[in-house]
Amino acid sequence: MLTYAIVLLVVVAVLYGSFRVLGGGHEPVPAEDYRQLLRRLHGYTAECMAELDTLLERPRPLPVAVPGSSRTPADPLVEGGAEVRRKLTGYRQQLAQIEVSATGDELEVLTSVRTLLTAAIEDQSWVCRMLEGGSHRENPGIRDAVTALRDHAGRCMEAAAGGLGAAPAGVL
């Protein structure tokens, strides 16, 4: 009977340790640290948006067959979209895992910024998915959707920047 109790305690300890190591059970972070995290993620997301701008401005490369093969190289827009989407997924996961220990107006501002930043990241992730599909250049509907998503993401990023820079009196 004692053996079963010891085994049960060991299993519970291992499960709890795994939970903590994999990111569960974090304590809320102070408001200023959370604000800094939001600023960093805002900057990283803006960099991803700039990467997408660069990708979308590139002209389509001429299809050149790979010697000794009937394959043509992949469109850089498809590959670039996949790379940017991976980055954005990491940023979205960071936002989802961290909680803030703030109250009142400060909590409201930080939650609003987090929501706006999450929306911008989601919009850009969908843009990346559309680019990865490979038909962005040929399909006007997809081009329109990409433009609409990018415009909305831009407005969310502007609003989030305003929330990070201009908070109610006494909050910053």
C-alpha atoms as a PDB file:
ATOM      1  CA  MET A   1       0.000   0.000   0.000  1.00  0.00           C
ATOM      2  CA  LEU A   2       2.864   2.386   0.824  1.00  0.00           C
ATOM      3  CA  THR A   3       4.402   1.629  -2.575  1.00  0.00           C
ATOM      4  CA  TYR A   4       1.247   2.814  -4.364  1.00  0.00           C
ATOM      5  CA  ALA A   5       1.190   6.031  -2.347  1.00  0.00           C
ATOM      6  CA  ILE A   6       4.849   6.741  -3.185  1.00  0.00           C
ATOM      7  CA  VAL A   7       4.295   6.006  -6.883  1.00  0.00           C
ATOM      8  CA  LEU A   8       1.230   8.255  -6.913  1.00  0.00           C
ATOM      9  CA  LEU A   9       3.171  11.104  -5.270  1.00  0.00           C
ATOM     10  CA  VAL A  10       6.027  10.711  -7.756  1.00  0.00           C
ATOM     11  CA  VAL A  11       3.593  10.780 -10.716  1.00  0.00           C
ATOM     12  CA  VAL A  12       1.851  13.890  -9.351  1.00  0.00           C
ATOM     13  CA  ALA A  13       5.216  15.607  -8.791  1.00  0.00           C
ATOM     14  CA  VAL A  14       6.359  14.789 -12.349  1.00  0.00           C
ATOM     15  CA  LEU A  15       3.073  16.038 -13.834  1.00  0.00           C
ATOM     16  CA  TYR A  16       3.235  19.255 -11.816  1.00  0.00           C
ATOM     17  CA  GLY A  17       6.866  19.800 -12.823  1.00  0.00           C
ATOM     18  CA  SER A  18       6.005  19.225 -16.482  1.00  0.00           C
ATOM     19  CA  PHE A  19       3.141  21.691 -16.230  1.00  0.00           C
ATOM     20  CA  ARG A  20       5.459  24.378 -14.838  1.00  0.00           C
ATOM     21  CA  VAL A  21       8.239  23.681 -17.341  1.00  0.00           C
ATOM     22  CA  LEU A  22       5.849  23.819 -20.300  1.00  0.00           C
ATOM     23  CA  GLY A  23       4.617  27.257 -19.330  1.00  0.00           C
ATOM     24  CA  GLY A  24       1.668  26.673 -17.064  1.00  0.00           C
ATOM     25  CA  GLY A  25       1.036  28.294 -13.742  1.00  0.00           C
ATOM     26  CA  HIS A  26       2.983  31.511 -14.316  1.00  0.00           C
ATOM     27  CA  GLU A  27       2.512  34.316 -11.880  1.00  0.00           C
ATOM     28  CA  PRO A  28       1.121  37.540 -13.360  1.00  0.00           C
ATOM     29  CA  VAL A  29       3.866  39.996 -14.268  1.00  0.00           C
ATOM     30  CA  PRO A  30       4.017  43.599 -13.053  1.00  0.00           C
ATOM     31  CA  ALA A  31       2.329  46.169 -15.270  1.00  0.00           C
ATOM     32  CA  GLU A  32       5.550  47.871 -16.401  1.00  0.00           C
ATOM     33  CA  ASP A  33       7.129  44.555 -17.430  1.00  0.00           C
ATOM     34  CA  TYR A  34       3.934  43.655 -19.286  1.00  0.00           C
ATOM     35  CA  ARG A  35       3.952  47.035 -21.035  1.00  0.00           C
ATOM     36  CA  GLN A  36       7.565  46.428 -22.117  1.00  0.00           C
ATOM     37  CA  LEU A  37       6.606  43.006 -23.453  1.00  0.00           C
ATOM     38  CA  LEU A  38       3.733  44.562 -25.414  1.00  0.00           C
ATOM     39  CA  ARG A  39       6.102  47.198 -26.835  1.00  0.00           C
ATOM     40  CA  ARG A  40       8.599  44.533 -27.912  1.00  0.00           C
ATOM     41  CA  LEU A  41       5.907  42.365 -29.508  1.00  0.00           C
ATOM     42  CA  HIS A  42       4.483  45.447 -31.211  1.00  0.00           C
ATOM     43  CA  GLY A  43       7.921  46.164 -32.676  1.00  0.00           C
ATOM     44  CA  TYR A  44       8.418  42.559 -33.791  1.00  0.00           C
ATOM     45  CA  THR A  45       4.979  42.522 -35.399  1.00  0.00           C
ATOM     46  CA  ALA A  46       5.771  45.771 -37.208  1.00  0.00           C
ATOM     47  CA  GLU A  47       8.960  44.144 -38.518  1.00  0.00           C
ATOM     48  CA  CYS A  48       6.908  41.222 -39.842  1.00  0.00           C
ATOM     49  CA  MET A  49       4.554  43.661 -41.541  1.00  0.00           C
ATOM     50  CA  ALA A  50       7.563  45.323 -43.183  1.00  0.00           C
ATOM     51  CA  GLU A  51       8.814  41.902 -44.332  1.00  0.00           C
ATOM     52  CA  LEU A  52       5.430  41.260 -45.928  1.00  0.00           C
ATOM     53  CA  ASP A  53       5.563  44.693 -47.604  1.00  0.00           C
ATOM     54  CA  THR A  54       8.927  43.787 -49.099  1.00  0.00           C
ATOM     55  CA  LEU A  55       7.669  40.389 -50.267  1.00  0.00           C
ATOM     56  CA  LEU A  56       4.552  41.845 -51.858  1.00  0.00           C
ATOM     57  CA  GLU A  57       6.519  44.570 -53.682  1.00  0.00           C
ATOM     58  CA  ARG A  58       8.833  42.077 -55.380  1.00  0.00           C
ATOM     59  CA  PRO A  59       7.959  41.266 -58.961  1.00  0.00           C
ATOM     60  CA  ARG A  60       7.174  37.663 -59.716  1.00  0.00           C
ATOM     61  CA  PRO A  61      10.333  35.835 -60.765  1.00  0.00           C
ATOM     62  CA  LEU A  62      10.372  34.298 -64.199  1.00  0.00           C
ATOM     63  CA  PRO A  63       9.838  30.544 -64.001  1.00  0.00           C
ATOM     64  CA  VAL A  64      13.203  28.948 -64.659  1.00  0.00           C
ATOM     65  CA  ALA A  65      13.407  25.193 -64.799  1.00  0.00           C
ATOM     66  CA  VAL A  66      15.900  23.579 -62.480  1.00  0.00           C
ATOM     67  CA  PRO A  67      18.538  21.818 -64.612  1.00  0.00           C
ATOM     68  CA  GLY A  68      17.942  18.099 -64.797  1.00  0.00           C
ATOM     69  CA  SER A  69      14.380  18.441 -63.485  1.00  0.00           C
ATOM     70  CA  SER A  70      10.979  19.468 -64.723  1.00  0.00           C
ATOM     71  CA  ARG A  71      10.335  21.403 -61.475  1.00  0.00           C
ATOM     72  CA  THR A  72      10.407  25.162 -61.227  1.00  0.00           C
ATOM     73  CA  PRO A  73      11.580  26.892 -58.076  1.00  0.00           C
ATOM     74  CA  ALA A  74       8.918  27.866 -55.545  1.00  0.00           C
ATOM     75  CA  ASP A  75       7.573  31.406 -55.538  1.00  0.00           C
ATOM     76  CA  PRO A  76       9.488  33.423 -52.893  1.00  0.00           C
ATOM     77  CA  LEU A  77       6.142  34.900 -51.846  1.00  0.00           C
ATOM     78  CA  VAL A  78       4.990  31.445 -50.721  1.00  0.00           C
ATOM     79  CA  GLU A  79       8.190  30.674 -48.828  1.00  0.00           C
ATOM     80  CA  GLY A  80       8.394  34.154 -47.295  1.00  0.00           C
ATOM     81  CA  GLY A  81       4.766  33.991 -46.175  1.00  0.00           C
ATOM     82  CA  ALA A  82       5.425  30.716 -44.374  1.00  0.00           C
ATOM     83  CA  GLU A  83       8.484  32.141 -42.611  1.00  0.00           C
ATOM     84  CA  VAL A  84       6.671  35.281 -41.439  1.00  0.00           C
ATOM     85  CA  ARG A  85       3.664  33.233 -40.268  1.00  0.00           C
ATOM     86  CA  ARG A  86       5.929  31.110 -38.036  1.00  0.00           C
ATOM     87  CA  LYS A  87       7.253  34.252 -36.359  1.00  0.00           C
ATOM     88  CA  LEU A  88       3.759  35.659 -35.882  1.00  0.00           C
ATOM     89  CA  THR A  89       2.574  32.393 -34.355  1.00  0.00           C
ATOM     90  CA  GLY A  90       5.300  32.653 -31.725  1.00  0.00           C
ATOM     91  CA  TYR A  91       4.322  36.227 -30.900  1.00  0.00           C
ATOM     92  CA  ARG A  92       0.660  35.264 -30.567  1.00  0.00           C
ATOM     93  CA  GLN A  93       1.597  32.408 -28.216  1.00  0.00           C
ATOM     94  CA  GLN A  94       3.630  34.772 -26.031  1.00  0.00           C
ATOM     95  CA  LEU A  95       0.661  37.124 -25.767  1.00  0.00           C
ATOM     96  CA  ALA A  96      -1.617  34.253 -24.786  1.00  0.00           C
ATOM     97  CA  GLN A  97       0.687  32.955 -22.034  1.00  0.00           C
ATOM     98  CA  ILE A  98       1.494  36.124 -20.106  1.00  0.00           C
ATOM     99  CA  GLU A  99      -0.912  37.701 -17.625  1.00  0.00           C
ATOM    100  CA  VAL A 100      -0.593  41.114 -16.024  1.00  0.00           C
ATOM    101  CA  SER A 101      -1.025  42.068 -12.392  1.00  0.00           C
ATOM    102  CA  ALA A 102      -2.726  45.428 -12.923  1.00  0.00           C
ATOM    103  CA  THR A 103      -6.072  46.843 -11.904  1.00  0.00           C
ATOM    104  CA  GLY A 104      -8.497  49.573 -12.894  1.00  0.00           C
ATOM    105  CA  ASP A 105      -7.751  51.846 -15.825  1.00  0.00           C
ATOM    106  CA  GLU A 106      -4.270  50.453 -16.243  1.00  0.00           C
ATOM    107  CA  LEU A 107      -5.615  46.922 -16.688  1.00  0.00           C
ATOM    108  CA  GLU A 108      -8.177  48.186 -19.183  1.00  0.00           C
ATOM    109  CA  VAL A 109      -5.541  49.966 -21.273  1.00  0.00           C
ATOM    110  CA  LEU A 110      -3.150  47.010 -21.253  1.00  0.00           C
ATOM    111  CA  THR A 111      -5.938  44.565 -22.099  1.00  0.00           C
ATOM    112  CA  SER A 112      -7.050  46.779 -24.984  1.00  0.00           C
ATOM    113  CA  VAL A 113      -3.504  46.981 -26.339  1.00  0.00           C
ATOM    114  CA  ARG A 114      -3.152  43.216 -26.039  1.00  0.00           C
ATOM    115  CA  THR A 115      -6.433  42.693 -27.905  1.00  0.00           C
ATOM    116  CA  LEU A 116      -5.446  45.102 -30.686  1.00  0.00           C
ATOM    117  CA  LEU A 117      -2.022  43.525 -31.025  1.00  0.00           C
ATOM    118  CA  THR A 118      -3.538  40.044 -31.113  1.00  0.00           C
ATOM    119  CA  ALA A 119      -5.964  41.149 -33.851  1.00  0.00           C
ATOM    120  CA  ALA A 120      -3.114  42.611 -35.912  1.00  0.00           C
ATOM    121  CA  ILE A 121      -1.101  39.408 -35.534  1.00  0.00           C
ATOM    122  CA  GLU A 122      -4.122  37.294 -36.528  1.00  0.00           C
ATOM    123  CA  ASP A 123      -4.764  39.459 -39.597  1.00  0.00           C
ATOM    124  CA  GLN A 124      -1.155  39.190 -40.693  1.00  0.00           C
ATOM    125  CA  SER A 125      -1.180  35.425 -40.084  1.00  0.00           C
ATOM    126  CA  TRP A 126      -4.156  35.112 -42.414  1.00  0.00           C
ATOM    127  CA  VAL A 127      -2.318  37.197 -45.005  1.00  0.00           C
ATOM    128  CA  CYS A 128       0.582  34.758 -44.754  1.00  0.00           C
ATOM    129  CA  ARG A 129      -1.739  31.785 -45.192  1.00  0.00           C
ATOM    130  CA  MET A 130      -3.180  33.355 -48.332  1.00  0.00           C
ATOM    131  CA  LEU A 131       0.301  33.984 -49.699  1.00  0.00           C
ATOM    132  CA  GLU A 132       1.299  30.415 -48.916  1.00  0.00           C
ATOM    133  CA  GLY A 133      -1.586  29.223 -51.086  1.00  0.00           C
ATOM    134  CA  GLY A 134       0.375  30.433 -54.107  1.00  0.00           C
ATOM    135  CA  SER A 135      -2.460  32.111 -56.017  1.00  0.00           C
ATOM    136  CA  HIS A 136      -2.152  35.635 -54.651  1.00  0.00           C
ATOM    137  CA  ARG A 137      -0.757  37.034 -57.885  1.00  0.00           C
ATOM    138  CA  GLU A 138      -3.425  35.473 -60.098  1.00  0.00           C
ATOM    139  CA  ASN A 139      -6.560  35.824 -57.961  1.00  0.00           C
ATOM    140  CA  PRO A 140      -8.002  39.334 -57.552  1.00  0.00           C
ATOM    141  CA  GLY A 141     -10.270  38.167 -54.708  1.00  0.00           C
ATOM    142  CA  ILE A 142      -7.300  36.995 -52.671  1.00  0.00           C
ATOM    143  CA  ARG A 143      -5.425  40.211 -53.455  1.00  0.00           C
ATOM    144  CA  ASP A 144      -8.436  42.223 -52.200  1.00  0.00           C
ATOM    145  CA  ALA A 145      -8.655  40.104 -49.039  1.00  0.00           C
ATOM    146  CA  VAL A 146      -4.925  40.526 -48.403  1.00  0.00           C
ATOM    147  CA  THR A 147      -5.269  44.288 -48.812  1.00  0.00           C
ATOM    148  CA  ALA A 148      -8.266  44.452 -46.449  1.00  0.00           C
ATOM    149  CA  LEU A 149      -6.524  42.342 -43.797  1.00  0.00           C
ATOM    150  CA  ARG A 150      -3.340  44.376 -44.033  1.00  0.00           C
ATOM    151  CA  ASP A 151      -5.288  47.640 -43.748  1.00  0.00           C
ATOM    152  CA  HIS A 152      -7.121  46.394 -40.659  1.00  0.00           C
ATOM    153  CA  ALA A 153      -3.870  45.138 -39.120  1.00  0.00           C
ATOM    154  CA  GLY A 154      -2.317  48.546 -39.731  1.00  0.00           C
ATOM    155  CA  ARG A 155      -5.183  50.310 -37.956  1.00  0.00           C
ATOM    156  CA  CYS A 156      -4.908  47.882 -35.024  1.00  0.00           C
ATOM    157  CA  MET A 157      -1.158  48.488 -34.792  1.00  0.00           C
ATOM    158  CA  GLU A 158      -1.676  52.280 -34.790  1.00  0.00           C
ATOM    159  CA  ALA A 159      -4.305  52.025 -32.055  1.00  0.00           C
ATOM    160  CA  ALA A 160      -2.080  49.677 -30.023  1.00  0.00           C
ATOM    161  CA  ALA A 161       0.843  52.110 -30.353  1.00  0.00           C
ATOM    162  CA  GLY A 162      -1.416  54.888 -29.102  1.00  0.00           C
ATOM    163  CA  GLY A 163      -2.415  52.752 -26.106  1.00  0.00           C
ATOM    164  CA  LEU A 164       1.212  52.039 -25.293  1.00  0.00           C
ATOM    165  CA  GLY A 165       2.219  55.666 -25.583  1.00  0.00           C
ATOM    166  CA  ALA A 166      -0.800  57.519 -24.229  1.00  0.00           C
ATOM    167  CA  ALA A 167      -2.367  55.935 -21.164  1.00  0.00           C
ATOM    168  CA  PRO A 168      -4.665  57.611 -18.641  1.00  0.00           C
ATOM    169  CA  ALA A 169      -2.990  59.952 -16.157  1.00  0.00           C
ATOM    170  CA  GLY A 170      -0.913  58.122 -13.579  1.00  0.00           C
ATOM    171  CA  VAL A 171      -0.888  54.825 -15.494  1.00  0.00           C
ATOM    172  CA  LEU A 172       2.493  55.009 -17.181  1.00  0.00           C
END
